[in-house]
Amino acid sequence: MKTLIKTLPKAELHLHIEGSLEPDLLFELARRNRIPLKYKSVEELKKAYKFNSLQDFSDIYYQGASVLLHENDFYDLTWAYLEKCAAQNVTHTEIMFDPQTHTERGVQFDAIVNGIYRATQDAEEKWGITSFLIMSFLRHLSEEEAFKTLEQSKMFQNKIKAVGLDSSEKGNPPSKFKNVFKAAVKMGYIPLAHAGEEGDADYIWEALDILKIERIDHGNNALQDPKLIEEIINRDIALTVCPLSNTSLKVVKKLKDHPLKKMMDLGLKVTINSDDPAYFGGQVNKNYEEIQKALNLTKEDIYQLVKNSFNYSLLKDTEKAERVAELAEVYYELEQ
């Protein structure tokens, strides 16, 4: 099963690039940019990666992001992630980034986008990995602040595929960002949003009906509402599920309690992703491996999950068909 997971070409659809910042690189960037850290060593920092909630994680996540200042910092961050993609046979990735995390500290918007984008172009040339960028709004900030970020993005629309919504979910429902999402769609961005990770099913309804999203990030709490499940299936919308993130943030207590298989059995289109791999204990292949063991998923289950990752990506339909055909060829060769 481990060989199967490693060998199959796959897409990752839910990845926060700031959350891929490994401790070694974090310390290297802190030294390079002369930024003092409250942690004296990589080992001490790793010990802090124990969270009881999304807010606990957010606090240390923003501390880590503070070492990112210049275009080359964002390049190095993204390149490190894409190297791991190449090693795991991730052939397409959709990378979320949080401009407000950085512009609030005086970092230039162009340094963020150009650093990330340049790394994706180099990775495509070196390994053939394709990438899209998803510009996420921070939901704990105001819609007015989100509009400022949307305005800043206008010169970079050729480099950004979609908009997203992340950060602290509770108390920050999707409806708070109704107007900025409407404006973003008018500009040509594809709307996506985190919903139903800590927020209940109502947050998912809002994301669907008010923000008009085309994919649900997380979506665990969709299972609270049978009518919502039916609606998601009818609209053919996928959920980008992140198993190790869910246990790290106590969304589920143990992986054996994870609802992923139940979601699949109900007919929901599920994908597996790493979310913030540096903080949650594993890259995307580790997420596949751990959830497979915990839920005793079959080879057919794994194949379907990987197939979903391409079918519910933001690639064009012709490209999706090509990727799925390549996947099928590899899968059936392994099964011989």
C-alpha atoms as a PDB file:
ATOM      1  CA  MET A   1       0.000   0.000   0.000  1.00  0.00           C
ATOM      2  CA  LYS A   2       2.854   2.386   0.811  1.00  0.00           C
ATOM      3  CA  THR A   3       4.378   1.698  -2.601  1.00  0.00           C
ATOM      4  CA  LEU A   4       1.039   2.328  -4.275  1.00  0.00           C
ATOM      5  CA  ILE A   5       0.641   5.686  -2.535  1.00  0.00           C
ATOM      6  CA  LYS A   6       4.194   6.739  -3.361  1.00  0.00           C
ATOM      7  CA  THR A   7       3.998   5.653  -7.005  1.00  0.00           C
ATOM      8  CA  LEU A   8       0.644   7.103  -8.027  1.00  0.00           C
ATOM      9  CA  PRO A   9       0.822  10.593  -9.569  1.00  0.00           C
ATOM     10  CA  LYS A  10      -1.398  12.892  -7.538  1.00  0.00           C
ATOM     11  CA  ALA A  11      -2.529  16.457  -6.986  1.00  0.00           C
ATOM     12  CA  GLU A  12      -2.568  18.404  -3.729  1.00  0.00           C
ATOM     13  CA  LEU A  13      -5.402  20.930  -3.468  1.00  0.00           C
ATOM     14  CA  HIS A  14      -5.195  22.206   0.124  1.00  0.00           C
ATOM     15  CA  LEU A  15      -1.754  23.462   1.074  1.00  0.00           C
ATOM     16  CA  HIS A  16      -0.850  26.694   2.859  1.00  0.00           C
ATOM     17  CA  ILE A  17       2.640  27.605   1.719  1.00  0.00           C
ATOM     18  CA  GLU A  18       3.396  29.403   5.001  1.00  0.00           C
ATOM     19  CA  GLY A  19       2.431  26.179   6.774  1.00  0.00           C
ATOM     20  CA  SER A  20       5.083  24.240   4.861  1.00  0.00           C
ATOM     21  CA  LEU A  21       7.883  26.196   6.579  1.00  0.00           C
ATOM     22  CA  GLU A  22      10.010  23.496   8.207  1.00  0.00           C
ATOM     23  CA  PRO A  23      11.923  24.408  11.409  1.00  0.00           C
ATOM     24  CA  ASP A  24      15.349  24.102   9.756  1.00  0.00           C
ATOM     25  CA  LEU A  25      14.434  26.602   7.040  1.00  0.00           C
ATOM     26  CA  LEU A  26      12.661  28.820   9.570  1.00  0.00           C
ATOM     27  CA  PHE A  27      15.877  29.130  11.583  1.00  0.00           C
ATOM     28  CA  GLU A  28      17.933  29.671   8.422  1.00  0.00           C
ATOM     29  CA  LEU A  29      15.662  32.537   7.297  1.00  0.00           C
ATOM     30  CA  ALA A  30      15.645  34.030  10.804  1.00  0.00           C
ATOM     31  CA  ARG A  31      19.464  34.129  10.734  1.00  0.00           C
ATOM     32  CA  ARG A  32      19.518  35.513   7.208  1.00  0.00           C
ATOM     33  CA  ASN A  33      17.065  38.281   8.062  1.00  0.00           C
ATOM     34  CA  ARG A  34      18.389  38.843  11.604  1.00  0.00           C
ATOM     35  CA  ILE A  35      15.063  38.127  13.235  1.00  0.00           C
ATOM     36  CA  PRO A  36      15.186  36.962  16.872  1.00  0.00           C
ATOM     37  CA  LEU A  37      13.156  33.854  17.717  1.00  0.00           C
ATOM     38  CA  LYS A  38      11.728  32.940  21.103  1.00  0.00           C
ATOM     39  CA  TYR A  39      12.909  29.356  20.533  1.00  0.00           C
ATOM     40  CA  LYS A  40      16.601  28.564  20.974  1.00  0.00           C
ATOM     41  CA  SER A  41      16.737  25.485  18.756  1.00  0.00           C
ATOM     42  CA  VAL A  42      14.906  23.462  16.123  1.00  0.00           C
ATOM     43  CA  GLU A  43      14.176  20.816  18.763  1.00  0.00           C
ATOM     44  CA  GLU A  44      12.626  23.353  21.132  1.00  0.00           C
ATOM     45  CA  LEU A  45      10.476  24.720  18.328  1.00  0.00           C
ATOM     46  CA  LYS A  46       9.238  21.255  17.350  1.00  0.00           C
ATOM     47  CA  LYS A  47       8.140  20.628  20.948  1.00  0.00           C
ATOM     48  CA  ALA A  48       5.847  23.646  20.645  1.00  0.00           C
ATOM     49  CA  TYR A  49       3.936  21.933  17.823  1.00  0.00           C
ATOM     50  CA  LYS A  50       1.247  20.573  20.112  1.00  0.00           C
ATOM     51  CA  PHE A  51      -2.086  22.290  19.628  1.00  0.00           C
ATOM     52  CA  ASN A  52      -5.480  22.143  21.286  1.00  0.00           C
ATOM     53  CA  SER A  53      -7.299  24.301  18.767  1.00  0.00           C
ATOM     54  CA  LEU A  54      -7.033  26.204  15.513  1.00  0.00           C
ATOM     55  CA  GLN A  55      -6.204  29.335  17.526  1.00  0.00           C
ATOM     56  CA  ASP A  56      -3.259  27.616  19.276  1.00  0.00           C
ATOM     57  CA  PHE A  57      -1.866  26.698  15.888  1.00  0.00           C
ATOM     58  CA  SER A  58      -2.508  30.167  14.442  1.00  0.00           C
ATOM     59  CA  ASP A  59      -0.462  31.819  17.189  1.00  0.00           C
ATOM     60  CA  ILE A  60       2.718  29.874  16.384  1.00  0.00           C
ATOM     61  CA  TYR A  61       2.006  29.892  12.637  1.00  0.00           C
ATOM     62  CA  TYR A  62       2.134  33.693  12.524  1.00  0.00           C
ATOM     63  CA  GLN A  63       5.351  33.703  14.570  1.00  0.00           C
ATOM     64  CA  GLY A  64       6.914  31.404  11.983  1.00  0.00           C
ATOM     65  CA  ALA A  65       5.738  33.577   9.105  1.00  0.00           C
ATOM     66  CA  SER A  66       7.571  36.563  10.609  1.00  0.00           C
ATOM     67  CA  VAL A  67      10.887  35.353   9.121  1.00  0.00           C
ATOM     68  CA  LEU A  68       9.550  35.806   5.580  1.00  0.00           C
ATOM     69  CA  LEU A  69      10.497  39.277   4.352  1.00  0.00           C
ATOM     70  CA  HIS A  70      11.953  39.251   0.853  1.00  0.00           C
ATOM     71  CA  GLU A  71      11.140  37.743  -2.527  1.00  0.00           C
ATOM     72  CA  ASN A  72      13.924  35.174  -2.166  1.00  0.00           C
ATOM     73  CA  ASP A  73      12.490  34.061   1.195  1.00  0.00           C
ATOM     74  CA  PHE A  74       9.173  33.218  -0.470  1.00  0.00           C
ATOM     75  CA  TYR A  75      11.046  31.571  -3.321  1.00  0.00           C
ATOM     76  CA  ASP A  76      13.051  29.359  -0.948  1.00  0.00           C
ATOM     77  CA  LEU A  77       9.927  28.478   1.050  1.00  0.00           C
ATOM     78  CA  THR A  78       8.020  27.438  -2.060  1.00  0.00           C
ATOM     79  CA  TRP A  79      10.971  25.631  -3.627  1.00  0.00           C
ATOM     80  CA  ALA A  80      11.414  23.535  -0.475  1.00  0.00           C
ATOM     81  CA  TYR A  81       7.763  22.461  -0.674  1.00  0.00           C
ATOM     82  CA  LEU A  82       7.962  21.701  -4.404  1.00  0.00           C
ATOM     83  CA  GLU A  83      11.060  19.550  -3.862  1.00  0.00           C
ATOM     84  CA  LYS A  84       8.926  17.447  -1.529  1.00  0.00           C
ATOM     85  CA  CYS A  85       6.210  17.323  -4.188  1.00  0.00           C
ATOM     86  CA  ALA A  86       8.708  15.906  -6.666  1.00  0.00           C
ATOM     87  CA  ALA A  87       9.768  13.238  -4.157  1.00  0.00           C
ATOM     88  CA  GLN A  88       6.139  12.237  -3.509  1.00  0.00           C
ATOM     89  CA  ASN A  89       5.006  12.200  -7.140  1.00  0.00           C
ATOM     90  CA  VAL A  90       2.734  15.205  -6.663  1.00  0.00           C
ATOM     91  CA  THR A  91       2.430  16.370 -10.263  1.00  0.00           C
ATOM     92  CA  HIS A  92      -0.005  19.238  -9.675  1.00  0.00           C
ATOM     93  CA  THR A  93      -0.465  21.472  -6.644  1.00  0.00           C
ATOM     94  CA  GLU A  94      -2.741  24.367  -5.757  1.00  0.00           C
ATOM     95  CA  ILE A  95      -0.902  26.574  -3.299  1.00  0.00           C
ATOM     96  CA  MET A  96      -2.692  28.868  -0.867  1.00  0.00           C
ATOM     97  CA  PHE A  97      -0.902  31.953   0.377  1.00  0.00           C
ATOM     98  CA  ASP A  98      -1.933  34.624   2.895  1.00  0.00           C
ATOM     99  CA  PRO A  99      -0.807  38.089   1.701  1.00  0.00           C
ATOM    100  CA  GLN A 100      -2.254  39.842   4.750  1.00  0.00           C
ATOM    101  CA  THR A 101      -0.005  37.854   7.074  1.00  0.00           C
ATOM    102  CA  HIS A 102       2.922  39.604   5.411  1.00  0.00           C
ATOM    103  CA  THR A 103       1.663  42.973   4.136  1.00  0.00           C
ATOM    104  CA  GLU A 104       0.572  43.806   7.697  1.00  0.00           C
ATOM    105  CA  ARG A 105       4.289  43.583   8.589  1.00  0.00           C
ATOM    106  CA  GLY A 106       5.319  45.873   5.759  1.00  0.00           C
ATOM    107  CA  VAL A 107       6.280  43.143   3.278  1.00  0.00           C
ATOM    108  CA  GLN A 108       5.618  44.161  -0.313  1.00  0.00           C
ATOM    109  CA  PHE A 109       2.814  42.316  -2.112  1.00  0.00           C
ATOM    110  CA  ASP A 110       4.945  41.836  -5.216  1.00  0.00           C
ATOM    111  CA  ALA A 111       7.719  40.168  -3.189  1.00  0.00           C
ATOM    112  CA  ILE A 112       5.228  37.570  -1.927  1.00  0.00           C
ATOM    113  CA  VAL A 113       3.601  36.723  -5.238  1.00  0.00           C
ATOM    114  CA  ASN A 114       6.725  36.911  -7.381  1.00  0.00           C
ATOM    115  CA  GLY A 115       8.765  34.756  -5.000  1.00  0.00           C
ATOM    116  CA  ILE A 116       6.134  32.006  -4.862  1.00  0.00           C
ATOM    117  CA  TYR A 117       5.326  32.166  -8.569  1.00  0.00           C
ATOM    118  CA  ARG A 118       8.963  32.105  -9.678  1.00  0.00           C
ATOM    119  CA  ALA A 119       9.542  28.917  -7.689  1.00  0.00           C
ATOM    120  CA  THR A 120       6.498  27.255  -9.280  1.00  0.00           C
ATOM    121  CA  GLN A 121       7.774  28.113 -12.760  1.00  0.00           C
ATOM    122  CA  ASP A 122      11.228  26.711 -11.995  1.00  0.00           C
ATOM    123  CA  ALA A 123       9.673  23.544 -10.562  1.00  0.00           C
ATOM    124  CA  GLU A 124       7.567  23.063 -13.673  1.00  0.00           C
ATOM    125  CA  GLU A 125      10.669  23.387 -15.830  1.00  0.00           C
ATOM    126  CA  LYS A 126      12.723  21.007 -13.651  1.00  0.00           C
ATOM    127  CA  TRP A 127      10.130  18.369 -12.644  1.00  0.00           C
ATOM    128  CA  GLY A 128       7.031  19.052 -14.734  1.00  0.00           C
ATOM    129  CA  ILE A 129       4.999  19.958 -11.639  1.00  0.00           C
ATOM    130  CA  THR A 130       2.165  22.353 -12.482  1.00  0.00           C
ATOM    131  CA  SER A 131       0.883  24.825  -9.889  1.00  0.00           C
ATOM    132  CA  PHE A 132      -1.863  27.374  -9.311  1.00  0.00           C
ATOM    133  CA  LEU A 133      -1.866  30.082  -6.654  1.00  0.00           C
ATOM    134  CA  ILE A 134      -4.843  30.679  -4.362  1.00  0.00           C
ATOM    135  CA  MET A 135      -4.882  34.057  -2.616  1.00  0.00           C
ATOM    136  CA  SER A 136      -6.574  33.604   0.750  1.00  0.00           C
ATOM    137  CA  PHE A 137      -8.254  36.295   2.813  1.00  0.00           C
ATOM    138  CA  LEU A 138      -7.809  36.116   6.594  1.00  0.00           C
ATOM    139  CA  ARG A 139     -11.267  35.801   8.062  1.00  0.00           C
ATOM    140  CA  HIS A 140     -10.337  37.197  11.486  1.00  0.00           C
ATOM    141  CA  LEU A 141      -9.669  40.522   9.728  1.00  0.00           C
ATOM    142  CA  SER A 142     -12.353  42.789   8.255  1.00  0.00           C
ATOM    143  CA  GLU A 143     -13.853  42.640   4.797  1.00  0.00           C
ATOM    144  CA  GLU A 144     -12.449  46.123   4.271  1.00  0.00           C
ATOM    145  CA  GLU A 145      -8.947  44.710   4.759  1.00  0.00           C
ATOM    146  CA  ALA A 146      -9.749  41.904   2.318  1.00  0.00           C
ATOM    147  CA  PHE A 147     -10.757  44.502  -0.270  1.00  0.00           C
ATOM    148  CA  LYS A 148      -7.347  46.154   0.111  1.00  0.00           C
ATOM    149  CA  THR A 149      -5.684  42.820  -0.650  1.00  0.00           C
ATOM    150  CA  LEU A 150      -7.947  42.259  -3.642  1.00  0.00           C
ATOM    151  CA  GLU A 151      -6.973  45.677  -4.971  1.00  0.00           C
ATOM    152  CA  GLN A 152      -3.266  44.881  -4.495  1.00  0.00           C
ATOM    153  CA  SER A 153      -3.700  41.703  -6.540  1.00  0.00           C
ATOM    154  CA  LYS A 154      -4.904  43.466  -9.697  1.00  0.00           C
ATOM    155  CA  MET A 155      -1.430  43.694 -11.235  1.00  0.00           C
ATOM    156  CA  PHE A 156      -0.834  39.987 -10.606  1.00  0.00           C
ATOM    157  CA  GLN A 157      -4.016  38.392 -11.928  1.00  0.00           C
ATOM    158  CA  ASN A 158      -2.009  36.432 -14.485  1.00  0.00           C
ATOM    159  CA  LYS A 159      -0.271  34.678 -11.568  1.00  0.00           C
ATOM    160  CA  ILE A 160      -3.246  34.038  -9.243  1.00  0.00           C
ATOM    161  CA  LYS A 161      -5.979  31.526 -10.105  1.00  0.00           C
ATOM    162  CA  ALA A 162      -8.427  31.710  -7.205  1.00  0.00           C
ATOM    163  CA  VAL A 163      -9.341  33.349  -3.917  1.00  0.00           C
ATOM    164  CA  GLY A 164      -9.826  31.512  -0.638  1.00  0.00           C
ATOM    165  CA  LEU A 165     -10.852  32.159   2.949  1.00  0.00           C
ATOM    166  CA  ASP A 166      -8.893  30.826   5.928  1.00  0.00           C
ATOM    167  CA  SER A 167      -7.761  31.543   9.508  1.00  0.00           C
ATOM    168  CA  SER A 168      -9.965  31.409  12.634  1.00  0.00           C
ATOM    169  CA  GLU A 169     -13.362  30.104  11.543  1.00  0.00           C
ATOM    170  CA  LYS A 170     -15.553  30.489  14.618  1.00  0.00           C
ATOM    171  CA  GLY A 171     -17.210  33.883  14.793  1.00  0.00           C
ATOM    172  CA  ASN A 172     -16.123  34.726  11.245  1.00  0.00           C
ATOM    173  CA  PRO A 173     -18.793  33.236   8.970  1.00  0.00           C
ATOM    174  CA  PRO A 174     -18.468  33.276   5.177  1.00  0.00           C
ATOM    175  CA  SER A 175     -21.250  35.894   4.910  1.00  0.00           C
ATOM    176  CA  LYS A 176     -18.822  38.420   6.436  1.00  0.00           C
ATOM    177  CA  PHE A 177     -16.973  38.369   3.077  1.00  0.00           C
ATOM    178  CA  LYS A 178     -19.944  38.370   0.698  1.00  0.00           C
ATOM    179  CA  ASN A 179     -19.021  41.609  -1.088  1.00  0.00           C
ATOM    180  CA  VAL A 180     -15.309  40.963  -1.548  1.00  0.00           C
ATOM    181  CA  PHE A 181     -15.967  37.506  -2.965  1.00  0.00           C
ATOM    182  CA  LYS A 182     -18.502  38.946  -5.391  1.00  0.00           C
ATOM    183  CA  ALA A 183     -15.894  41.496  -6.493  1.00  0.00           C
ATOM    184  CA  ALA A 184     -13.190  38.800  -6.778  1.00  0.00           C
ATOM    185  CA  VAL A 185     -15.379  36.633  -9.004  1.00  0.00           C
ATOM    186  CA  LYS A 186     -16.119  39.662 -11.184  1.00  0.00           C
ATOM    187  CA  MET A 187     -12.344  40.062 -11.606  1.00  0.00           C
ATOM    188  CA  GLY A 188     -12.114  36.457 -12.807  1.00  0.00           C
ATOM    189  CA  TYR A 189     -10.951  34.631  -9.690  1.00  0.00           C
ATOM    190  CA  ILE A 190     -12.410  31.227  -8.803  1.00  0.00           C
ATOM    191  CA  PRO A 191     -14.050  31.296  -5.318  1.00  0.00           C
ATOM    192  CA  LEU A 192     -12.996  28.735  -2.695  1.00  0.00           C
ATOM    193  CA  ALA A 193     -13.265  28.777   1.107  1.00  0.00           C
ATOM    194  CA  HIS A 194     -12.518  26.912   4.314  1.00  0.00           C
ATOM    195  CA  ALA A 195     -15.816  25.890   5.875  1.00  0.00           C
ATOM    196  CA  GLY A 196     -16.964  23.305   8.390  1.00  0.00           C
ATOM    197  CA  GLU A 197     -13.606  22.671  10.059  1.00  0.00           C
ATOM    198  CA  GLU A 198     -14.545  24.226  13.404  1.00  0.00           C
ATOM    199  CA  GLY A 199     -17.663  26.032  12.215  1.00  0.00           C
ATOM    200  CA  ASP A 200     -20.875  24.045  11.914  1.00  0.00           C
ATOM    201  CA  ALA A 201     -22.863  23.075   8.816  1.00  0.00           C
ATOM    202  CA  ASP A 202     -24.371  26.576   8.559  1.00  0.00           C
ATOM    203  CA  TYR A 203     -20.933  27.906   7.626  1.00  0.00           C
ATOM    204  CA  ILE A 204     -20.826  25.500   4.689  1.00  0.00           C
ATOM    205  CA  TRP A 205     -24.309  26.537   3.559  1.00  0.00           C
ATOM    206  CA  GLU A 206     -23.165  30.176   3.620  1.00  0.00           C
ATOM    207  CA  ALA A 207     -20.014  29.400   1.678  1.00  0.00           C
ATOM    208  CA  LEU A 208     -22.072  27.627  -0.988  1.00  0.00           C
ATOM    209  CA  ASP A 209     -25.035  29.986  -1.247  1.00  0.00           C
ATOM    210  CA  ILE A 210     -23.472  33.366  -0.440  1.00  0.00           C
ATOM    211  CA  LEU A 211     -19.864  33.060  -1.598  1.00  0.00           C
ATOM    212  CA  LYS A 212     -20.779  30.651  -4.434  1.00  0.00           C
ATOM    213  CA  ILE A 213     -17.643  28.583  -3.826  1.00  0.00           C
ATOM    214  CA  GLU A 214     -16.582  25.855  -6.231  1.00  0.00           C
ATOM    215  CA  ARG A 215     -14.737  23.698  -3.675  1.00  0.00           C
ATOM    216  CA  ILE A 216     -14.987  23.255   0.100  1.00  0.00           C
ATOM    217  CA  ASP A 217     -11.774  23.260   2.118  1.00  0.00           C
ATOM    218  CA  HIS A 218     -12.183  20.779   5.014  1.00  0.00           C
ATOM    219  CA  GLY A 219     -15.980  20.410   5.220  1.00  0.00           C
ATOM    220  CA  ASN A 220     -15.964  17.824   8.027  1.00  0.00           C
ATOM    221  CA  ASN A 221     -19.092  19.231   9.634  1.00  0.00           C
ATOM    222  CA  ALA A 222     -21.146  18.761   6.491  1.00  0.00           C
ATOM    223  CA  LEU A 223     -22.082  15.456   8.116  1.00  0.00           C
ATOM    224  CA  GLN A 224     -24.227  17.352  10.626  1.00  0.00           C
ATOM    225  CA  ASP A 225     -26.861  17.996   7.943  1.00  0.00           C
ATOM    226  CA  PRO A 226     -28.225  15.314   5.574  1.00  0.00           C
ATOM    227  CA  LYS A 227     -29.743  17.997   3.314  1.00  0.00           C
ATOM    228  CA  LEU A 228     -26.350  19.677   3.032  1.00  0.00           C
ATOM    229  CA  ILE A 229     -24.714  16.381   2.061  1.00  0.00           C
ATOM    230  CA  GLU A 230     -27.319  15.944  -0.654  1.00  0.00           C
ATOM    231  CA  GLU A 231     -26.773  19.511  -1.873  1.00  0.00           C
ATOM    232  CA  ILE A 232     -22.976  19.107  -2.056  1.00  0.00           C
ATOM    233  CA  ILE A 233     -23.385  15.898  -4.047  1.00  0.00           C
ATOM    234  CA  ASN A 234     -25.938  17.498  -6.382  1.00  0.00           C
ATOM    235  CA  ARG A 235     -23.613  20.427  -7.059  1.00  0.00           C
ATOM    236  CA  ASP A 236     -20.695  18.023  -7.590  1.00  0.00           C
ATOM    237  CA  ILE A 237     -18.450  19.929  -5.185  1.00  0.00           C
ATOM    238  CA  ALA A 238     -15.407  18.314  -3.603  1.00  0.00           C
ATOM    239  CA  LEU A 239     -14.086  18.486  -0.050  1.00  0.00           C
ATOM    240  CA  THR A 240     -10.341  18.988   0.472  1.00  0.00           C
ATOM    241  CA  VAL A 241      -9.881  16.912   3.619  1.00  0.00           C
ATOM    242  CA  CYS A 242      -6.704  17.086   5.733  1.00  0.00           C
ATOM    243  CA  PRO A 243      -6.519  14.062   8.093  1.00  0.00           C
ATOM    244  CA  LEU A 244      -3.354  14.826  10.101  1.00  0.00           C
ATOM    245  CA  SER A 245      -4.398  18.452  10.459  1.00  0.00           C
ATOM    246  CA  ASN A 246      -7.758  17.327  11.823  1.00  0.00           C
ATOM    247  CA  THR A 247      -6.157  15.259  14.584  1.00  0.00           C
ATOM    248  CA  SER A 248      -3.520  17.906  15.371  1.00  0.00           C
ATOM    249  CA  LEU A 249      -6.200  20.572  15.864  1.00  0.00           C
ATOM    250  CA  LYS A 250      -8.575  18.203  17.689  1.00  0.00           C
ATOM    251  CA  VAL A 251     -11.227  18.387  14.981  1.00  0.00           C
ATOM    252  CA  VAL A 252     -11.234  14.610  15.456  1.00  0.00           C
ATOM    253  CA  LYS A 253      -9.698  12.871  18.452  1.00  0.00           C
ATOM    254  CA  LYS A 254      -8.107   9.958  16.625  1.00  0.00           C
ATOM    255  CA  LEU A 255      -7.628   9.060  12.976  1.00  0.00           C
ATOM    256  CA  LYS A 256      -9.710   5.909  13.450  1.00  0.00           C
ATOM    257  CA  ASP A 257     -12.627   8.244  14.231  1.00  0.00           C
ATOM    258  CA  HIS A 258     -12.107  10.313  11.079  1.00  0.00           C
ATOM    259  CA  PRO A 259     -15.249  10.606   8.903  1.00  0.00           C
ATOM    260  CA  LEU A 260     -13.397  10.335   5.570  1.00  0.00           C
ATOM    261  CA  LYS A 261     -14.627   6.826   4.711  1.00  0.00           C
ATOM    262  CA  LYS A 262     -18.155   7.712   5.780  1.00  0.00           C
ATOM    263  CA  MET A 263     -17.977  10.735   3.486  1.00  0.00           C
ATOM    264  CA  MET A 264     -16.918   8.515   0.593  1.00  0.00           C
ATOM    265  CA  ASP A 265     -19.636   5.963   1.311  1.00  0.00           C
ATOM    266  CA  LEU A 266     -22.255   8.734   1.307  1.00  0.00           C
ATOM    267  CA  GLY A 267     -21.119   9.777  -2.164  1.00  0.00           C
ATOM    268  CA  LEU A 268     -19.143  12.895  -1.274  1.00  0.00           C
ATOM    269  CA  LYS A 269     -16.111  13.631  -3.449  1.00  0.00           C
ATOM    270  CA  VAL A 270     -13.166  13.700  -1.063  1.00  0.00           C
ATOM    271  CA  THR A 271      -9.514  14.554  -1.616  1.00  0.00           C
ATOM    272  CA  ILE A 272      -6.552  14.081   0.763  1.00  0.00           C
ATOM    273  CA  ASN A 273      -4.197  16.947   1.519  1.00  0.00           C
ATOM    274  CA  SER A 274      -1.585  18.075   4.056  1.00  0.00           C
ATOM    275  CA  ASP A 275      -2.867  21.590   4.956  1.00  0.00           C
ATOM    276  CA  ASP A 276       0.151  22.859   6.969  1.00  0.00           C
ATOM    277  CA  PRO A 277       2.561  19.899   6.791  1.00  0.00           C
ATOM    278  CA  ALA A 278       5.426  21.420   8.786  1.00  0.00           C
ATOM    279  CA  TYR A 279       3.133  21.812  11.776  1.00  0.00           C
ATOM    280  CA  PHE A 280       0.815  18.804  11.492  1.00  0.00           C
ATOM    281  CA  GLY A 281       3.221  15.910  11.197  1.00  0.00           C
ATOM    282  CA  GLY A 282       3.368  14.994   7.546  1.00  0.00           C
ATOM    283  CA  GLN A 283       3.343  15.759   3.847  1.00  0.00           C
ATOM    284  CA  VAL A 284       0.541  14.564   1.603  1.00  0.00           C
ATOM    285  CA  ASN A 285       1.818  10.978   1.192  1.00  0.00           C
ATOM    286  CA  LYS A 286       2.011  10.629   4.983  1.00  0.00           C
ATOM    287  CA  ASN A 287      -1.628  11.748   5.163  1.00  0.00           C
ATOM    288  CA  TYR A 288      -2.569   9.018   2.676  1.00  0.00           C
ATOM    289  CA  GLU A 289      -0.571   6.393   4.545  1.00  0.00           C
ATOM    290  CA  GLU A 290      -1.892   7.230   8.004  1.00  0.00           C
ATOM    291  CA  ILE A 291      -5.559   7.515   7.041  1.00  0.00           C
ATOM    292  CA  GLN A 292      -5.306   4.305   5.006  1.00  0.00           C
ATOM    293  CA  LYS A 293      -4.043   2.399   8.053  1.00  0.00           C
ATOM    294  CA  ALA A 294      -6.504   4.022  10.445  1.00  0.00           C
ATOM    295  CA  LEU A 295      -9.591   3.346   8.308  1.00  0.00           C
ATOM    296  CA  ASN A 296      -8.360   0.219   6.505  1.00  0.00           C
ATOM    297  CA  LEU A 297      -8.882   1.835   3.116  1.00  0.00           C
ATOM    298  CA  THR A 298      -8.614  -0.438   0.079  1.00  0.00           C
ATOM    299  CA  LYS A 299      -6.446   0.097  -2.976  1.00  0.00           C
ATOM    300  CA  GLU A 300      -9.616   1.064  -4.834  1.00  0.00           C
ATOM    301  CA  ASP A 301     -10.337   3.704  -2.179  1.00  0.00           C
ATOM    302  CA  ILE A 302      -6.852   5.172  -2.568  1.00  0.00           C
ATOM    303  CA  TYR A 303      -7.181   5.180  -6.348  1.00  0.00           C
ATOM    304  CA  GLN A 304     -10.528   6.997  -6.112  1.00  0.00           C
ATOM    305  CA  LEU A 305      -9.126   9.602  -3.728  1.00  0.00           C
ATOM    306  CA  VAL A 306      -6.179  10.290  -6.035  1.00  0.00           C
ATOM    307  CA  LYS A 307      -8.490  10.392  -9.043  1.00  0.00           C
ATOM    308  CA  ASN A 308     -10.626  12.961  -7.210  1.00  0.00           C
ATOM    309  CA  SER A 309      -7.550  15.109  -6.652  1.00  0.00           C
ATOM    310  CA  PHE A 310      -7.246  15.642 -10.398  1.00  0.00           C
ATOM    311  CA  ASN A 311     -10.936  15.716 -11.259  1.00  0.00           C
ATOM    312  CA  TYR A 312     -11.646  18.434  -8.680  1.00  0.00           C
ATOM    313  CA  SER A 313      -8.538  20.489  -9.323  1.00  0.00           C
ATOM    314  CA  LEU A 314      -8.710  23.836 -11.119  1.00  0.00           C
ATOM    315  CA  LEU A 315      -7.122  22.364 -14.236  1.00  0.00           C
ATOM    316  CA  LYS A 316      -8.988  22.576 -17.536  1.00  0.00           C
ATOM    317  CA  ASP A 317     -11.215  19.591 -18.335  1.00  0.00           C
ATOM    318  CA  THR A 318      -8.885  18.373 -21.082  1.00  0.00           C
ATOM    319  CA  GLU A 319      -5.933  18.487 -18.686  1.00  0.00           C
ATOM    320  CA  LYS A 320      -7.914  16.654 -16.006  1.00  0.00           C
ATOM    321  CA  ALA A 321      -8.729  13.897 -18.493  1.00  0.00           C
ATOM    322  CA  GLU A 322      -5.042  13.567 -19.427  1.00  0.00           C
ATOM    323  CA  ARG A 323      -3.955  13.361 -15.772  1.00  0.00           C
ATOM    324  CA  VAL A 324      -6.632  10.790 -14.931  1.00  0.00           C
ATOM    325  CA  ALA A 325      -5.621   8.689 -17.939  1.00  0.00           C
ATOM    326  CA  GLU A 326      -1.979   8.768 -16.805  1.00  0.00           C
ATOM    327  CA  LEU A 327      -3.064   7.839 -13.274  1.00  0.00           C
ATOM    328  CA  ALA A 328      -5.136   4.896 -14.548  1.00  0.00           C
ATOM    329  CA  GLU A 329      -2.205   3.613 -16.580  1.00  0.00           C
ATOM    330  CA  VAL A 330       0.116   3.669 -13.563  1.00  0.00           C
ATOM    331  CA  TYR A 331      -2.505   2.103 -11.280  1.00  0.00           C
ATOM    332  CA  TYR A 332      -3.314  -0.777 -13.567  1.00  0.00           C
ATOM    333  CA  GLU A 333       0.364  -1.470 -14.220  1.00  0.00           C
ATOM    334  CA  LEU A 334       0.900  -1.762 -10.473  1.00  0.00           C
ATOM    335  CA  GLU A 335      -2.066  -4.124 -10.218  1.00  0.00           C
ATOM    336  CA  GLN A 336      -0.707  -6.540 -12.819  1.00  0.00           C
END
